[in-house]
Amino acid sequence: MTTSVNERHARIKELVCEVLELDQGEVTDTSLFIEDHEADSLRAIEILASLEKEFGITIDQSELPRLVNLESVYTVVDREMG
């Protein structure tokens, strides 16, 4: 079953909010995980692992520094999914 980009982005936001233990209303596409939500590098690794499991993709560890907000996560996942 294929999902639309909007559905995928909604699921990504859900996953990120679960890992960061935040309500979806607290996280915008541009709010920064570390600066705005006090996430640490371990949370970034958890986000990456959750995305890989959910979407059946592999994200290179070198992408971790790019996973700073939802916009960047959308970009990385969209690229990996083609």
PDB file of N, CA and C in Angstrom:
ATOM      1  N   MET A   1       0.840  -1.183   0.000  1.00  0.00           N
ATOM      2  CA  MET A   1       0.000   0.000   0.000  1.00  0.00           C
ATOM      3  C   MET A   1       0.883   1.243   0.000  1.00  0.00           C
ATOM      4  N   THR A   2       0.660   2.106  -0.958  1.00  0.00           N
ATOM      5  CA  THR A   2       1.438   3.331  -1.006  1.00  0.00           C
ATOM      6  C   THR A   2       0.705   4.434  -0.260  1.00  0.00           C
ATOM      7  N   THR A   3       1.482   5.309   0.324  1.00  0.00           N
ATOM      8  CA  THR A   3       0.895   6.438   1.030  1.00  0.00           C
ATOM      9  C   THR A   3       1.288   7.711   0.318  1.00  0.00           C
ATOM     10  N   SER A   4       0.460   8.717   0.451  1.00  0.00           N
ATOM     11  CA  SER A   4       0.779  10.002  -0.151  1.00  0.00           C
ATOM     12  C   SER A   4       1.882  10.671   0.669  1.00  0.00           C
ATOM     13  N   VAL A   5       2.488  11.668   0.064  1.00  0.00           N
ATOM     14  CA  VAL A   5       3.534  12.415   0.770  1.00  0.00           C
ATOM     15  C   VAL A   5       2.947  13.052   2.033  1.00  0.00           C
ATOM     16  N   ASN A   6       1.732  13.584   1.925  1.00  0.00           N
ATOM     17  CA  ASN A   6       1.113  14.210   3.099  1.00  0.00           C
ATOM     18  C   ASN A   6       0.881  13.208   4.213  1.00  0.00           C
ATOM     19  N   GLU A   7       0.432  12.001   3.860  1.00  0.00           N
ATOM     20  CA  GLU A   7       0.230  10.956   4.868  1.00  0.00           C
ATOM     21  C   GLU A   7       1.555  10.552   5.495  1.00  0.00           C
ATOM     22  N   ARG A   8       2.587  10.436   4.663  1.00  0.00           N
ATOM     23  CA  ARG A   8       3.918  10.075   5.159  1.00  0.00           C
ATOM     24  C   ARG A   8       4.422  11.153   6.112  1.00  0.00           C
ATOM     25  N   HIS A   9       4.279  12.411   5.737  1.00  0.00           N
ATOM     26  CA  HIS A   9       4.747  13.505   6.588  1.00  0.00           C
ATOM     27  C   HIS A   9       3.982  13.535   7.910  1.00  0.00           C
ATOM     28  N   ALA A  10       2.681  13.238   7.871  1.00  0.00           N
ATOM     29  CA  ALA A  10       1.891  13.192   9.103  1.00  0.00           C
ATOM     30  C   ALA A  10       2.406  12.077  10.007  1.00  0.00           C
ATOM     31  N   ARG A  11       2.737  10.929   9.420  1.00  0.00           N
ATOM     32  CA  ARG A  11       3.259   9.796  10.209  1.00  0.00           C
ATOM     33  C   ARG A  11       4.638  10.127  10.771  1.00  0.00           C
ATOM     34  N   ILE A  12       5.466  10.801   9.978  1.00  0.00           N
ATOM     35  CA  ILE A  12       6.786  11.218  10.460  1.00  0.00           C
ATOM     36  C   ILE A  12       6.622  12.129  11.679  1.00  0.00           C
ATOM     37  N   LYS A  13       5.707  13.072  11.589  1.00  0.00           N
ATOM     38  CA  LYS A  13       5.490  13.991  12.721  1.00  0.00           C
ATOM     39  C   LYS A  13       5.045  13.210  13.950  1.00  0.00           C
ATOM     40  N   GLU A  14       4.144  12.237  13.758  1.00  0.00           N
ATOM     41  CA  GLU A  14       3.706  11.401  14.878  1.00  0.00           C
ATOM     42  C   GLU A  14       4.896  10.700  15.532  1.00  0.00           C
ATOM     43  N   LEU A  15       5.742  10.079  14.709  1.00  0.00           N
ATOM     44  CA  LEU A  15       6.899   9.347  15.228  1.00  0.00           C
ATOM     45  C   LEU A  15       7.846  10.272  15.985  1.00  0.00           C
ATOM     46  N   VAL A  16       8.149  11.419  15.385  1.00  0.00           N
ATOM     47  CA  VAL A  16       9.062  12.368  16.021  1.00  0.00           C
ATOM     48  C   VAL A  16       8.500  12.828  17.363  1.00  0.00           C
ATOM     49  N   CYS A  17       7.214  13.139  17.403  1.00  0.00           N
ATOM     50  CA  CYS A  17       6.596  13.590  18.651  1.00  0.00           C
ATOM     51  C   CYS A  17       6.602  12.487  19.704  1.00  0.00           C
ATOM     52  N   GLU A  18       6.414  11.243  19.285  1.00  0.00           N
ATOM     53  CA  GLU A  18       6.490  10.125  20.233  1.00  0.00           C
ATOM     54  C   GLU A  18       7.880  10.036  20.841  1.00  0.00           C
ATOM     55  N   VAL A  19       8.909  10.117  19.995  1.00  0.00           N
ATOM     56  CA  VAL A  19      10.290  10.011  20.482  1.00  0.00           C
ATOM     57  C   VAL A  19      10.633  11.189  21.398  1.00  0.00           C
ATOM     58  N   LEU A  20      10.194  12.384  21.018  1.00  0.00           N
ATOM     59  CA  LEU A  20      10.516  13.579  21.807  1.00  0.00           C
ATOM     60  C   LEU A  20       9.569  13.770  22.993  1.00  0.00           C
ATOM     61  N   GLU A  21       8.547  12.900  23.072  1.00  0.00           N
ATOM     62  CA  GLU A  21       7.554  12.980  24.133  1.00  0.00           C
ATOM     63  C   GLU A  21       6.889  14.349  24.179  1.00  0.00           C
ATOM     64  N   LEU A  22       6.425  14.782  23.005  1.00  0.00           N
ATOM     65  CA  LEU A  22       5.761  16.075  22.863  1.00  0.00           C
ATOM     66  C   LEU A  22       4.410  15.891  22.188  1.00  0.00           C
ATOM     67  N   ASP A  23       3.497  16.816  22.443  1.00  0.00           N
ATOM     68  CA  ASP A  23       2.240  16.840  21.711  1.00  0.00           C
ATOM     69  C   ASP A  23       2.516  17.378  20.312  1.00  0.00           C
ATOM     70  N   GLN A  24       1.737  16.922  19.336  1.00  0.00           N
ATOM     71  CA  GLN A  24       1.978  17.355  17.963  1.00  0.00           C
ATOM     72  C   GLN A  24       1.852  18.867  17.802  1.00  0.00           C
ATOM     73  N   GLY A  25       1.023  19.500  18.605  1.00  0.00           N
ATOM     74  CA  GLY A  25       0.864  20.950  18.529  1.00  0.00           C
ATOM     75  C   GLY A  25       2.105  21.721  18.965  1.00  0.00           C
ATOM     76  N   GLU A  26       2.999  21.047  19.671  1.00  0.00           N
ATOM     77  CA  GLU A  26       4.218  21.708  20.164  1.00  0.00           C
ATOM     78  C   GLU A  26       5.330  21.742  19.127  1.00  0.00           C
ATOM     79  N   VAL A  27       5.202  20.938  18.084  1.00  0.00           N
ATOM     80  CA  VAL A  27       6.276  20.807  17.100  1.00  0.00           C
ATOM     81  C   VAL A  27       5.808  21.357  15.753  1.00  0.00           C
ATOM     82  N   THR A  28       6.539  22.346  15.248  1.00  0.00           N
ATOM     83  CA  THR A  28       6.251  22.868  13.917  1.00  0.00           C
ATOM     84  C   THR A  28       7.261  22.281  12.939  1.00  0.00           C
ATOM     85  N   ASP A  29       7.033  22.502  11.658  1.00  0.00           N
ATOM     86  CA  ASP A  29       7.962  21.980  10.650  1.00  0.00           C
ATOM     87  C   ASP A  29       9.361  22.566  10.800  1.00  0.00           C
ATOM     88  N   THR A  30       9.451  23.773  11.366  1.00  0.00           N
ATOM     89  CA  THR A  30      10.758  24.439  11.448  1.00  0.00           C
ATOM     90  C   THR A  30      11.310  24.544  12.867  1.00  0.00           C
ATOM     91  N   SER A  31      10.546  24.114  13.873  1.00  0.00           N
ATOM     92  CA  SER A  31      11.103  24.182  15.232  1.00  0.00           C
ATOM     93  C   SER A  31      12.253  23.186  15.344  1.00  0.00           C
ATOM     94  N   LEU A  32      13.303  23.614  16.008  1.00  0.00           N
ATOM     95  CA  LEU A  32      14.525  22.821  16.103  1.00  0.00           C
ATOM     96  C   LEU A  32      14.453  21.861  17.281  1.00  0.00           C
ATOM     97  N   PHE A  33      14.748  20.594  17.010  1.00  0.00           N
ATOM     98  CA  PHE A  33      14.633  19.568  18.036  1.00  0.00           C
ATOM     99  C   PHE A  33      15.501  19.867  19.253  1.00  0.00           C
ATOM    100  N   ILE A  34      16.749  20.235  19.032  1.00  0.00           N
ATOM    101  CA  ILE A  34      17.669  20.446  20.154  1.00  0.00           C
ATOM    102  C   ILE A  34      17.384  21.776  20.848  1.00  0.00           C
ATOM    103  N   GLU A  35      17.372  22.871  20.069  1.00  0.00           N
ATOM    104  CA  GLU A  35      17.224  24.199  20.657  1.00  0.00           C
ATOM    105  C   GLU A  35      15.831  24.442  21.231  1.00  0.00           C
ATOM    106  N   ASP A  36      14.786  24.045  20.494  1.00  0.00           N
ATOM    107  CA  ASP A  36      13.422  24.359  20.912  1.00  0.00           C
ATOM    108  C   ASP A  36      12.790  23.277  21.789  1.00  0.00           C
ATOM    109  N   HIS A  37      13.246  22.037  21.641  1.00  0.00           N
ATOM    110  CA  HIS A  37      12.591  20.933  22.339  1.00  0.00           C
ATOM    111  C   HIS A  37      13.528  20.133  23.244  1.00  0.00           C
ATOM    112  N   GLU A  38      14.735  20.633  23.419  1.00  0.00           N
ATOM    113  CA  GLU A  38      15.703  20.045  24.351  1.00  0.00           C
ATOM    114  C   GLU A  38      16.006  18.572  24.075  1.00  0.00           C
ATOM    115  N   ALA A  39      15.984  18.202  22.803  1.00  0.00           N
ATOM    116  CA  ALA A  39      16.347  16.835  22.427  1.00  0.00           C
ATOM    117  C   ALA A  39      17.866  16.710  22.448  1.00  0.00           C
ATOM    118  N   ASP A  40      18.344  15.492  22.636  1.00  0.00           N
ATOM    119  CA  ASP A  40      19.783  15.259  22.599  1.00  0.00           C
ATOM    120  C   ASP A  40      20.105  14.325  21.435  1.00  0.00           C
ATOM    121  N   SER A  41      21.378  14.008  21.270  1.00  0.00           N
ATOM    122  CA  SER A  41      21.794  13.179  20.142  1.00  0.00           C
ATOM    123  C   SER A  41      21.191  11.780  20.207  1.00  0.00           C
ATOM    124  N   LEU A  42      20.942  11.283  21.408  1.00  0.00           N
ATOM    125  CA  LEU A  42      20.305   9.979  21.548  1.00  0.00           C
ATOM    126  C   LEU A  42      18.896  10.004  20.956  1.00  0.00           C
ATOM    127  N   ARG A  43      18.189  11.099  21.158  1.00  0.00           N
ATOM    128  CA  ARG A  43      16.846  11.239  20.576  1.00  0.00           C
ATOM    129  C   ARG A  43      16.925  11.228  19.053  1.00  0.00           C
ATOM    130  N   ALA A  44      17.947  11.866  18.497  1.00  0.00           N
ATOM    131  CA  ALA A  44      18.106  11.870  17.037  1.00  0.00           C
ATOM    132  C   ALA A  44      18.302  10.442  16.527  1.00  0.00           C
ATOM    133  N   ILE A  45      19.076   9.659  17.237  1.00  0.00           N
ATOM    134  CA  ILE A  45      19.291   8.259  16.849  1.00  0.00           C
ATOM    135  C   ILE A  45      17.984   7.480  16.957  1.00  0.00           C
ATOM    136  N   GLU A  46      17.205   7.749  18.007  1.00  0.00           N
ATOM    137  CA  GLU A  46      15.899   7.090  18.161  1.00  0.00           C
ATOM    138  C   GLU A  46      14.962   7.467  17.009  1.00  0.00           C
ATOM    139  N   ILE A  47      14.978   8.737  16.620  1.00  0.00           N
ATOM    140  CA  ILE A  47      14.145   9.188  15.499  1.00  0.00           C
ATOM    141  C   ILE A  47      14.559   8.452  14.233  1.00  0.00           C
ATOM    142  N   LEU A  48      15.852   8.402  13.977  1.00  0.00           N
ATOM    143  CA  LEU A  48      16.356   7.723  12.780  1.00  0.00           C
ATOM    144  C   LEU A  48      15.930   6.256  12.779  1.00  0.00           C
ATOM    145  N   ALA A  49      16.091   5.568  13.895  1.00  0.00           N
ATOM    146  CA  ALA A  49      15.721   4.154  13.978  1.00  0.00           C
ATOM    147  C   ALA A  49      14.218   3.962  13.778  1.00  0.00           C
ATOM    148  N   SER A  50      13.418   4.835  14.349  1.00  0.00           N
ATOM    149  CA  SER A  50      11.967   4.751  14.190  1.00  0.00           C
ATOM    150  C   SER A  50      11.554   4.940  12.736  1.00  0.00           C
ATOM    151  N   LEU A  51      12.190   5.880  12.058  1.00  0.00           N
ATOM    152  CA  LEU A  51      11.883   6.131  10.646  1.00  0.00           C
ATOM    153  C   LEU A  51      12.256   4.936   9.786  1.00  0.00           C
ATOM    154  N   GLU A  52      13.427   4.362  10.055  1.00  0.00           N
ATOM    155  CA  GLU A  52      13.874   3.196   9.292  1.00  0.00           C
ATOM    156  C   GLU A  52      12.896   2.034   9.464  1.00  0.00           C
ATOM    157  N   LYS A  53      12.476   1.798  10.696  1.00  0.00           N
ATOM    158  CA  LYS A  53      11.560   0.693  10.973  1.00  0.00           C
ATOM    159  C   LYS A  53      10.196   0.942  10.338  1.00  0.00           C
ATOM    160  N   GLU A  54       9.677   2.138  10.496  1.00  0.00           N
ATOM    161  CA  GLU A  54       8.342   2.470   9.997  1.00  0.00           C
ATOM    162  C   GLU A  54       8.246   2.386   8.480  1.00  0.00           C
ATOM    163  N   PHE A  55       9.271   2.889   7.799  1.00  0.00           N
ATOM    164  CA  PHE A  55       9.199   3.015   6.345  1.00  0.00           C
ATOM    165  C   PHE A  55      10.026   1.973   5.594  1.00  0.00           C
ATOM    166  N   GLY A  56      10.713   1.095   6.327  1.00  0.00           N
ATOM    167  CA  GLY A  56      11.484   0.052   5.676  1.00  0.00           C
ATOM    168  C   GLY A  56      12.618   0.592   4.825  1.00  0.00           C
ATOM    169  N   ILE A  57      13.265   1.636   5.335  1.00  0.00           N
ATOM    170  CA  ILE A  57      14.369   2.267   4.605  1.00  0.00           C
ATOM    171  C   ILE A  57      15.624   2.228   5.473  1.00  0.00           C
ATOM    172  N   THR A  58      16.743   2.536   4.861  1.00  0.00           N
ATOM    173  CA  THR A  58      17.994   2.677   5.591  1.00  0.00           C
ATOM    174  C   THR A  58      18.477   4.104   5.401  1.00  0.00           C
ATOM    175  N   ILE A  59      18.706   4.779   6.511  1.00  0.00           N
ATOM    176  CA  ILE A  59      19.202   6.154   6.478  1.00  0.00           C
ATOM    177  C   ILE A  59      20.632   6.130   6.982  1.00  0.00           C
ATOM    178  N   ASP A  60      21.542   6.630   6.175  1.00  0.00           N
ATOM    179  CA  ASP A  60      22.958   6.638   6.539  1.00  0.00           C
ATOM    180  C   ASP A  60      23.167   7.470   7.805  1.00  0.00           C
ATOM    181  N   GLN A  61      24.031   6.979   8.680  1.00  0.00           N
ATOM    182  CA  GLN A  61      24.334   7.695   9.926  1.00  0.00           C
ATOM    183  C   GLN A  61      24.839   9.115   9.674  1.00  0.00           C
ATOM    184  N   SER A  62      25.423   9.342   8.510  1.00  0.00           N
ATOM    185  CA  SER A  62      25.934  10.683   8.190  1.00  0.00           C
ATOM    186  C   SER A  62      24.800  11.704   8.068  1.00  0.00           C
ATOM    187  N   GLU A  63      23.567  11.229   7.966  1.00  0.00           N
ATOM    188  CA  GLU A  63      22.408  12.124   7.886  1.00  0.00           C
ATOM    189  C   GLU A  63      21.988  12.658   9.261  1.00  0.00           C
ATOM    190  N   LEU A  64      22.469  12.034  10.330  1.00  0.00           N
ATOM    191  CA  LEU A  64      22.049  12.448  11.673  1.00  0.00           C
ATOM    192  C   LEU A  64      22.159  13.950  11.924  1.00  0.00           C
ATOM    193  N   PRO A  65      23.273  14.579  11.577  1.00  0.00           N
ATOM    194  CA  PRO A  65      23.377  16.019  11.839  1.00  0.00           C
ATOM    195  C   PRO A  65      22.336  16.856  11.087  1.00  0.00           C
ATOM    196  N   ARG A  66      21.776  16.296  10.024  1.00  0.00           N
ATOM    197  CA  ARG A  66      20.770  17.024   9.251  1.00  0.00           C
ATOM    198  C   ARG A  66      19.390  16.939   9.875  1.00  0.00           C
ATOM    199  N   LEU A  67      19.162  15.983  10.753  1.00  0.00           N
ATOM    200  CA  LEU A  67      17.833  15.775  11.325  1.00  0.00           C
ATOM    201  C   LEU A  67      17.591  16.761  12.468  1.00  0.00           C
ATOM    202  N   VAL A  68      17.426  18.016  12.112  1.00  0.00           N
ATOM    203  CA  VAL A  68      17.312  19.075  13.115  1.00  0.00           C
ATOM    204  C   VAL A  68      15.881  19.558  13.320  1.00  0.00           C
ATOM    205  N   ASN A  69      15.025  19.350  12.313  1.00  0.00           N
ATOM    206  CA  ASN A  69      13.620  19.736  12.426  1.00  0.00           C
ATOM    207  C   ASN A  69      12.798  18.871  11.473  1.00  0.00           C
ATOM    208  N   LEU A  70      11.489  19.025  11.517  1.00  0.00           N
ATOM    209  CA  LEU A  70      10.642  18.178  10.682  1.00  0.00           C
ATOM    210  C   LEU A  70      10.925  18.366   9.196  1.00  0.00           C
ATOM    211  N   GLU A  71      11.147  19.610   8.762  1.00  0.00           N
ATOM    212  CA  GLU A  71      11.431  19.841   7.336  1.00  0.00           C
ATOM    213  C   GLU A  71      12.606  19.000   6.862  1.00  0.00           C
ATOM    214  N   SER A  72      13.678  18.979   7.647  1.00  0.00           N
ATOM    215  CA  SER A  72      14.859  18.213   7.232  1.00  0.00           C
ATOM    216  C   SER A  72      14.593  16.720   7.282  1.00  0.00           C
ATOM    217  N   VAL A  73      13.801  16.271   8.247  1.00  0.00           N
ATOM    218  CA  VAL A  73      13.455  14.851   8.323  1.00  0.00           C
ATOM    219  C   VAL A  73      12.622  14.464   7.107  1.00  0.00           C
ATOM    220  N   TYR A  74      11.642  15.289   6.751  1.00  0.00           N
ATOM    221  CA  TYR A  74      10.828  15.019   5.553  1.00  0.00           C
ATOM    222  C   TYR A  74      11.728  14.865   4.327  1.00  0.00           C
ATOM    223  N   THR A  75      12.685  15.772   4.173  1.00  0.00           N
ATOM    224  CA  THR A  75      13.580  15.757   3.013  1.00  0.00           C
ATOM    225  C   THR A  75      14.387  14.466   2.956  1.00  0.00           C
ATOM    226  N   VAL A  76      14.967  14.071   4.086  1.00  0.00           N
ATOM    227  CA  VAL A  76      15.783  12.860   4.128  1.00  0.00           C
ATOM    228  C   VAL A  76      14.936  11.622   3.820  1.00  0.00           C
ATOM    229  N   VAL A  77      13.781  11.505   4.449  1.00  0.00           N
ATOM    230  CA  VAL A  77      12.933  10.334   4.227  1.00  0.00           C
ATOM    231  C   VAL A  77      12.401  10.312   2.799  1.00  0.00           C
ATOM    232  N   ASP A  78      11.954  11.465   2.299  1.00  0.00           N
ATOM    233  CA  ASP A  78      11.434  11.519   0.929  1.00  0.00           C
ATOM    234  C   ASP A  78      12.501  11.084  -0.076  1.00  0.00           C
ATOM    235  N   ARG A  79      13.736  11.525   0.145  1.00  0.00           N
ATOM    236  CA  ARG A  79      14.827  11.156  -0.770  1.00  0.00           C
ATOM    237  C   ARG A  79      15.089   9.654  -0.708  1.00  0.00           C
ATOM    238  N   GLU A  80      15.082   9.095   0.494  1.00  0.00           N
ATOM    239  CA  GLU A  80      15.340   7.658   0.632  1.00  0.00           C
ATOM    240  C   GLU A  80      14.223   6.812   0.024  1.00  0.00           C
ATOM    241  N   MET A  81      13.007   7.345   0.033  1.00  0.00           N
ATOM    242  CA  MET A  81      11.878   6.589  -0.485  1.00  0.00           C
ATOM    243  C   MET A  81      11.685   6.788  -1.984  1.00  0.00           C
ATOM    244  N   GLY A  82      12.460   7.701  -2.563  1.00  0.00           N
ATOM    245  CA  GLY A  82      12.380   7.922  -4.002  1.00  0.00           C
ATOM    246  C   GLY A  82      11.332   8.854  -4.353  1.00  0.00           C
TER     247      GLY A  82
END
